[in-house]
C-alpha atoms as a PDB file:
ATOM      1  CA  MET A   1       1.362 -19.959 -17.800  1.00  0.00           C
ATOM      2  CA  PRO A   2      -1.630 -20.763 -15.510  1.00  0.00           C
ATOM      3  CA  GLN A   3       0.763 -21.166 -12.574  1.00  0.00           C
ATOM      4  CA  GLU A   4       2.192 -17.708 -13.240  1.00  0.00           C
ATOM      5  CA  THR A   5      -1.307 -16.171 -13.305  1.00  0.00           C
ATOM      6  CA  THR A   6      -2.263 -17.983 -10.115  1.00  0.00           C
ATOM      7  CA  ARG A   7       0.911 -16.742  -8.425  1.00  0.00           C
ATOM      8  CA  LYS A   8       0.157 -13.126  -9.436  1.00  0.00           C
ATOM      9  CA  VAL A   9      -3.406 -13.378  -8.102  1.00  0.00           C
ATOM     10  CA  VAL A  10      -2.200 -14.885  -4.821  1.00  0.00           C
ATOM     11  CA  VAL A  11       0.561 -12.286  -4.365  1.00  0.00           C
ATOM     12  CA  THR A  12      -1.957  -9.513  -5.137  1.00  0.00           C
ATOM     13  CA  GLY A  13      -4.410 -10.899  -2.601  1.00  0.00           C
ATOM     14  CA  VAL A  14      -1.862 -11.429   0.151  1.00  0.00           C
ATOM     15  CA  LEU A  15      -0.135  -8.066  -0.251  1.00  0.00           C
ATOM     16  CA  GLY A  16      -3.498  -6.306  -0.675  1.00  0.00           C
ATOM     17  CA  ALA A  17      -4.639  -7.918   2.579  1.00  0.00           C
ATOM     18  CA  ILE A  18      -1.433  -6.763   4.275  1.00  0.00           C
ATOM     19  CA  SER A  19      -2.119  -3.224   3.070  1.00  0.00           C
ATOM     20  CA  VAL A  20      -5.648  -3.381   4.527  1.00  0.00           C
ATOM     21  CA  LEU A  21      -4.307  -4.862   7.778  1.00  0.00           C
ATOM     22  CA  LEU A  22      -1.759  -2.049   8.055  1.00  0.00           C
ATOM     23  CA  GLY A  23      -4.546   0.505   7.690  1.00  0.00           C
ATOM     24  CA  TRP A  24      -7.143  -1.183   9.854  1.00  0.00           C
ATOM     25  CA  THR A  25      -4.788  -1.743  12.794  1.00  0.00           C
ATOM     26  CA  HIS A  26      -2.939   1.572  12.221  1.00  0.00           C
ATOM     27  CA  TRP A  27       0.354  -0.360  12.137  1.00  0.00           C
ATOM     28  CA  GLY A  28       0.890   1.295   8.767  1.00  0.00           C
ATOM     29  CA  PHE A  29       1.264   4.698  10.406  1.00  0.00           C
ATOM     30  CA  ILE A  30       4.515   5.424  12.211  1.00  0.00           C
ATOM     31  CA  PRO A  31       4.120   8.322  14.690  1.00  0.00           C
ATOM     32  CA  TRP A  32       6.124  11.356  13.626  1.00  0.00           C
ATOM     33  CA  PHE A  33       6.662  14.776  15.104  1.00  0.00           C
ATOM     34  CA  SER A  34       3.890  17.411  15.326  1.00  0.00           C
ATOM     35  CA  GLY A  35       1.160  14.773  15.427  1.00  0.00           C
ATOM     36  CA  ALA A  36       1.732  13.631  11.825  1.00  0.00           C
ATOM     37  CA  SER A  37       2.384  10.027  10.855  1.00  0.00           C
ATOM     38  CA  LEU A  38       4.625   8.390   8.300  1.00  0.00           C
ATOM     39  CA  THR A  39       2.668   5.860   6.287  1.00  0.00           C
ATOM     40  CA  ILE A  40       4.036   2.569   5.031  1.00  0.00           C
ATOM     41  CA  MET A  41       0.720   1.448   3.558  1.00  0.00           C
ATOM     42  CA  HIS A  42       2.088   1.904   0.029  1.00  0.00           C
ATOM     43  CA  VAL A  43       4.984  -0.522   0.609  1.00  0.00           C
ATOM     44  CA  PRO A  44       2.984  -3.662  -0.327  1.00  0.00           C
ATOM     45  CA  ALA A  45       2.237  -2.100  -3.744  1.00  0.00           C
ATOM     46  CA  VAL A  46       5.953  -1.443  -4.269  1.00  0.00           C
ATOM     47  CA  ILE A  47       6.918  -4.953  -3.200  1.00  0.00           C
ATOM     48  CA  GLY A  48       4.200  -6.525  -5.350  1.00  0.00           C
ATOM     49  CA  ALA A  49       5.393  -4.592  -8.387  1.00  0.00           C
ATOM     50  CA  VAL A  50       9.029  -5.550  -7.890  1.00  0.00           C
ATOM     51  CA  LEU A  51       8.152  -9.209  -7.343  1.00  0.00           C
ATOM     52  CA  GLU A  52       5.377  -9.701  -9.912  1.00  0.00           C
ATOM     53  CA  GLY A  53       5.153  -6.706 -12.245  1.00  0.00           C
ATOM     54  CA  PRO A  54       3.261  -3.464 -12.807  1.00  0.00           C
ATOM     55  CA  LEU A  55      -0.257  -4.913 -12.977  1.00  0.00           C
ATOM     56  CA  VAL A  56       0.132  -6.596  -9.598  1.00  0.00           C
ATOM     57  CA  GLY A  57       1.510  -3.339  -8.159  1.00  0.00           C
ATOM     58  CA  ALA A  58      -1.406  -1.377  -9.632  1.00  0.00           C
ATOM     59  CA  ALA A  59      -3.934  -3.906  -8.286  1.00  0.00           C
ATOM     60  CA  ILE A  60      -2.458  -3.659  -4.787  1.00  0.00           C
ATOM     61  CA  GLY A  61      -2.475   0.134  -5.124  1.00  0.00           C
ATOM     62  CA  LEU A  62      -6.167  -0.111  -6.069  1.00  0.00           C
ATOM     63  CA  ILE A  63      -6.872  -2.165  -2.938  1.00  0.00           C
ATOM     64  CA  PHE A  64      -4.929   0.385  -0.852  1.00  0.00           C
ATOM     65  CA  GLY A  65      -6.843   3.296  -2.412  1.00  0.00           C
ATOM     66  CA  LEU A  66     -10.278   1.697  -2.055  1.00  0.00           C
ATOM     67  CA  PHE A  67      -9.574   0.811   1.562  1.00  0.00           C
ATOM     68  CA  SER A  68      -8.312   4.339   2.213  1.00  0.00           C
ATOM     69  CA  MET A  69     -11.531   5.783   0.760  1.00  0.00           C
ATOM     70  CA  LEU A  70     -13.719   3.362   2.706  1.00  0.00           C
ATOM     71  CA  GLN A  71     -11.881   3.994   5.964  1.00  0.00           C
ATOM     72  CA  ALA A  72     -12.134   7.782   5.492  1.00  0.00           C
ATOM     73  CA  ALA A  73     -15.904   7.446   5.056  1.00  0.00           C
ATOM     74  CA  ILE A  74     -16.564   4.957   7.857  1.00  0.00           C
ATOM     75  CA  ALA A  75     -13.958   5.708  10.525  1.00  0.00           C
ATOM     76  CA  PRO A  76     -12.243   9.070   9.964  1.00  0.00           C
ATOM     77  CA  THR A  77      -9.450   9.869  12.409  1.00  0.00           C
ATOM     78  CA  GLY A  78      -9.018  13.545  11.612  1.00  0.00           C
ATOM     79  CA  PRO A  79     -10.619  16.488   9.835  1.00  0.00           C
ATOM     80  CA  ALA A  80      -8.636  15.941   6.611  1.00  0.00           C
ATOM     81  CA  ASP A  81      -9.908  12.357   6.292  1.00  0.00           C
ATOM     82  CA  VAL A  82     -13.125  13.613   4.695  1.00  0.00           C
ATOM     83  CA  TRP A  83     -11.020  14.659   1.674  1.00  0.00           C
ATOM     84  CA  PHE A  84     -10.111  11.004   1.099  1.00  0.00           C
ATOM     85  CA  THR A  85     -13.729  10.045   0.420  1.00  0.00           C
ATOM     86  CA  ASN A  86     -13.064  11.460  -3.057  1.00  0.00           C
ATOM     87  CA  PRO A  87     -11.784   8.651  -5.360  1.00  0.00           C
ATOM     88  CA  LEU A  88      -9.654  11.154  -7.286  1.00  0.00           C
ATOM     89  CA  LEU A  89      -7.633  11.643  -4.108  1.00  0.00           C
ATOM     90  CA  ALA A  90      -7.909   8.253  -2.413  1.00  0.00           C
ATOM     91  CA  VAL A  91      -7.711   5.847  -5.366  1.00  0.00           C
ATOM     92  CA  LEU A  92      -6.287   7.440  -8.513  1.00  0.00           C
ATOM     93  CA  PRO A  93      -2.801   8.360  -7.198  1.00  0.00           C
ATOM     94  CA  ARG A  94      -2.351   4.895  -5.641  1.00  0.00           C
ATOM     95  CA  LEU A  95      -2.765   3.184  -9.019  1.00  0.00           C
ATOM     96  CA  PHE A  96       0.613   4.584 -10.112  1.00  0.00           C
ATOM     97  CA  ILE A  97       2.724   3.455  -7.124  1.00  0.00           C
ATOM     98  CA  GLY A  98       3.387  -0.057  -8.439  1.00  0.00           C
ATOM     99  CA  PRO A  99       3.984   0.750 -12.122  1.00  0.00           C
ATOM    100  CA  VAL A 100       6.479   3.509 -11.273  1.00  0.00           C
ATOM    101  CA  ALA A 101       8.307   1.273  -8.773  1.00  0.00           C
ATOM    102  CA  TRP A 102       8.399  -1.527 -11.385  1.00  0.00           C
ATOM    103  CA  LEU A 103       9.852   0.775 -14.067  1.00  0.00           C
ATOM    104  CA  VAL A 104      12.616   1.823 -11.685  1.00  0.00           C
ATOM    105  CA  TRP A 105      13.243  -1.822 -10.727  1.00  0.00           C
ATOM    106  CA  ILE A 106      13.566  -2.798 -14.404  1.00  0.00           C
ATOM    107  CA  ALA A 107      15.947   0.105 -15.048  1.00  0.00           C
ATOM    108  CA  PHE A 108      18.229  -0.852 -12.129  1.00  0.00           C
ATOM    109  CA  LYS A 109      17.694  -4.634 -12.004  1.00  0.00           C
ATOM    110  CA  ARG A 110      21.346  -5.156 -12.915  1.00  0.00           C
ATOM    111  CA  TRP A 111      22.267  -3.802  -9.465  1.00  0.00           C
ATOM    112  CA  PRO A 112      19.624  -5.495  -7.274  1.00  0.00           C
ATOM    113  CA  ALA A 113      20.242  -3.675  -3.979  1.00  0.00           C
ATOM    114  CA  VAL A 114      20.266  -0.281  -5.704  1.00  0.00           C
ATOM    115  CA  GLY A 115      17.197  -1.235  -7.734  1.00  0.00           C
ATOM    116  CA  MET A 116      15.220  -2.272  -4.662  1.00  0.00           C
ATOM    117  CA  ILE A 117      16.181   0.879  -2.757  1.00  0.00           C
ATOM    118  CA  LEU A 118      15.318   3.151  -5.680  1.00  0.00           C
ATOM    119  CA  SER A 119      12.051   1.277  -6.287  1.00  0.00           C
ATOM    120  CA  GLY A 120      11.048   1.832  -2.671  1.00  0.00           C
ATOM    121  CA  ILE A 121      11.924   5.513  -2.893  1.00  0.00           C
ATOM    122  CA  SER A 122      10.200   6.063  -6.247  1.00  0.00           C
ATOM    123  CA  GLY A 123       7.012   4.231  -5.228  1.00  0.00           C
ATOM    124  CA  SER A 124       6.804   6.220  -2.013  1.00  0.00           C
ATOM    125  CA  LEU A 125       7.478   9.559  -3.717  1.00  0.00           C
ATOM    126  CA  THR A 126       4.894   8.717  -6.378  1.00  0.00           C
ATOM    127  CA  ASN A 127       2.314   8.314  -3.626  1.00  0.00           C
ATOM    128  CA  THR A 128       3.384  11.519  -1.884  1.00  0.00           C
ATOM    129  CA  ILE A 129       3.612  13.699  -4.993  1.00  0.00           C
ATOM    130  CA  LEU A 130       0.381  12.490  -6.599  1.00  0.00           C
ATOM    131  CA  VAL A 131      -1.692  12.643  -3.394  1.00  0.00           C
ATOM    132  CA  LEU A 132      -0.398  16.100  -2.457  1.00  0.00           C
ATOM    133  CA  GLY A 133      -0.758  17.225  -6.063  1.00  0.00           C
ATOM    134  CA  MET A 134      -4.383  16.108  -6.085  1.00  0.00           C
ATOM    135  CA  ILE A 135      -4.965  17.904  -2.764  1.00  0.00           C
ATOM    136  CA  GLY A 136      -3.687  21.046  -4.485  1.00  0.00           C
ATOM    137  CA  VAL A 137      -5.713  20.482  -7.671  1.00  0.00           C
ATOM    138  CA  LEU A 138      -8.905  19.916  -5.669  1.00  0.00           C
ATOM    139  CA  GLY A 139      -8.190  23.070  -3.648  1.00  0.00           C
ATOM    140  CA  PHE A 140      -8.145  21.447  -0.206  1.00  0.00           C
ATOM    141  CA  LEU A 141      -4.881  23.195   0.739  1.00  0.00           C
ATOM    142  CA  PRO A 142      -2.947  26.055  -0.839  1.00  0.00           C
ATOM    143  CA  TRP A 143      -0.031  24.979  -3.036  1.00  0.00           C
ATOM    144  CA  ALA A 144       2.435  26.794  -0.752  1.00  0.00           C
ATOM    145  CA  ALA A 145       1.538  24.445   2.124  1.00  0.00           C
ATOM    146  CA  LEU A 146       2.216  21.278   0.131  1.00  0.00           C
ATOM    147  CA  GLY A 147       5.998  21.638  -0.271  1.00  0.00           C
ATOM    148  CA  PRO A 148       6.773  21.577   3.461  1.00  0.00           C
ATOM    149  CA  ILE A 149       4.459  18.581   3.902  1.00  0.00           C
ATOM    150  CA  ALA A 150       6.249  16.741   1.092  1.00  0.00           C
ATOM    151  CA  VAL A 151       9.630  17.377   2.708  1.00  0.00           C
ATOM    152  CA  ALA A 152       8.594  16.704   6.314  1.00  0.00           C
ATOM    153  CA  ASN A 153       6.641  13.515   5.599  1.00  0.00           C
ATOM    154  CA  GLY A 154       7.487  12.447   2.050  1.00  0.00           C
ATOM    155  CA  LEU A 155      11.251  12.144   2.388  1.00  0.00           C
ATOM    156  CA  PRO A 156      11.225  10.106   5.629  1.00  0.00           C
ATOM    157  CA  GLU A 157       8.466   7.883   4.179  1.00  0.00           C
ATOM    158  CA  ALA A 158      10.644   7.294   1.110  1.00  0.00           C
ATOM    159  CA  ALA A 159      13.577   6.268   3.301  1.00  0.00           C
ATOM    160  CA  VAL A 160      11.426   3.854   5.323  1.00  0.00           C
ATOM    161  CA  SER A 161       9.909   2.453   2.122  1.00  0.00           C
ATOM    162  CA  ALA A 162      13.389   1.876   0.677  1.00  0.00           C
ATOM    163  CA  LEU A 163      14.486  -0.057   3.790  1.00  0.00           C
ATOM    164  CA  PHE A 164      11.360  -2.235   3.892  1.00  0.00           C
ATOM    165  CA  THR A 165      11.513  -2.926   0.151  1.00  0.00           C
ATOM    166  CA  LEU A 166      15.189  -3.859   0.310  1.00  0.00           C
ATOM    167  CA  ALA A 167      14.776  -6.150   3.326  1.00  0.00           C
ATOM    168  CA  ILE A 168      11.628  -7.951   2.163  1.00  0.00           C
ATOM    169  CA  VAL A 169      12.415  -8.368  -1.540  1.00  0.00           C
ATOM    170  CA  ALA A 170      16.037  -9.393  -0.861  1.00  0.00           C
ATOM    171  CA  ALA A 171      14.820 -12.047   1.577  1.00  0.00           C
ATOM    172  CA  TRP A 172      12.119 -13.291  -0.792  1.00  0.00           C
ATOM    173  CA  LYS A 173      14.346 -13.446  -3.867  1.00  0.00           C
ATOM    174  CA  ARG A 174      17.385 -14.636  -1.894  1.00  0.00           C
ATOM    175  CA  ILE A 175      19.430 -11.727  -3.206  1.00  0.00           C
ATOM    176  CA  GLU A 176      22.793 -11.219  -1.600  1.00  0.00           C
ATOM    177  CA  VAL A 177      23.053  -7.833   0.091  1.00  0.00           C
ATOM    178  CA  GLY A 178      26.489  -7.342   1.568  1.00  0.00           C
ATOM    179  CA  ARG A 179      27.602 -10.612   3.128  1.00  0.00           C
ATOM    180  CA  ARG A 180      24.080 -11.788   3.898  1.00  0.00           C
ATOM    181  CA  ARG A 181      21.843 -13.823   1.663  1.00  0.00           C
ATOM    182  CA  GLY A 182      18.049 -13.717   1.810  1.00  0.00           C
ATOM    183  CA  ALA A 183      15.944 -16.385   3.488  1.00  0.00           C
ATOM    184  CA  ASN A 184      15.251 -19.698   1.822  1.00  0.00           C
ATOM    185  CA  LEU A 185      11.473 -19.359   1.479  1.00  0.00           C
END
């Protein structure tokens, strides 16, 4: 039991640090058309949840949200970044990424490749829907503007999240995907 707890703490720390690194270096933002970026900063929370459970995913989401709030306050990169100094927008939605991804993983665990893909998609869409929903609730943008943003950014982010989740978790767990088997870590 103590080994399991230690493992969860270590995985949380490492994946939380990766999330911070992705934000700090801007490697977590893939340039997209019209000046927008696709974010993959939520992917460590998805991976942590699939590997170690919903609490680990929520803890990594908390790290992601706190870093997002801190970065928006200290080093904003655009006019909308000031919105993310509000913990209701920066932190609260990110707490649900891991638990939702974990629930989907548990539901589809029997088919590992499908489960990993759907976990990546669901974790990403949870981030998109809850963040945009909170932007609407707080009145930062009109509701009519949020749908196109969700489609233009949210769907490609979900696809990228699914690919990263599949590749990383399959390698870590040595799950056979097609004719390839994951790495022996």
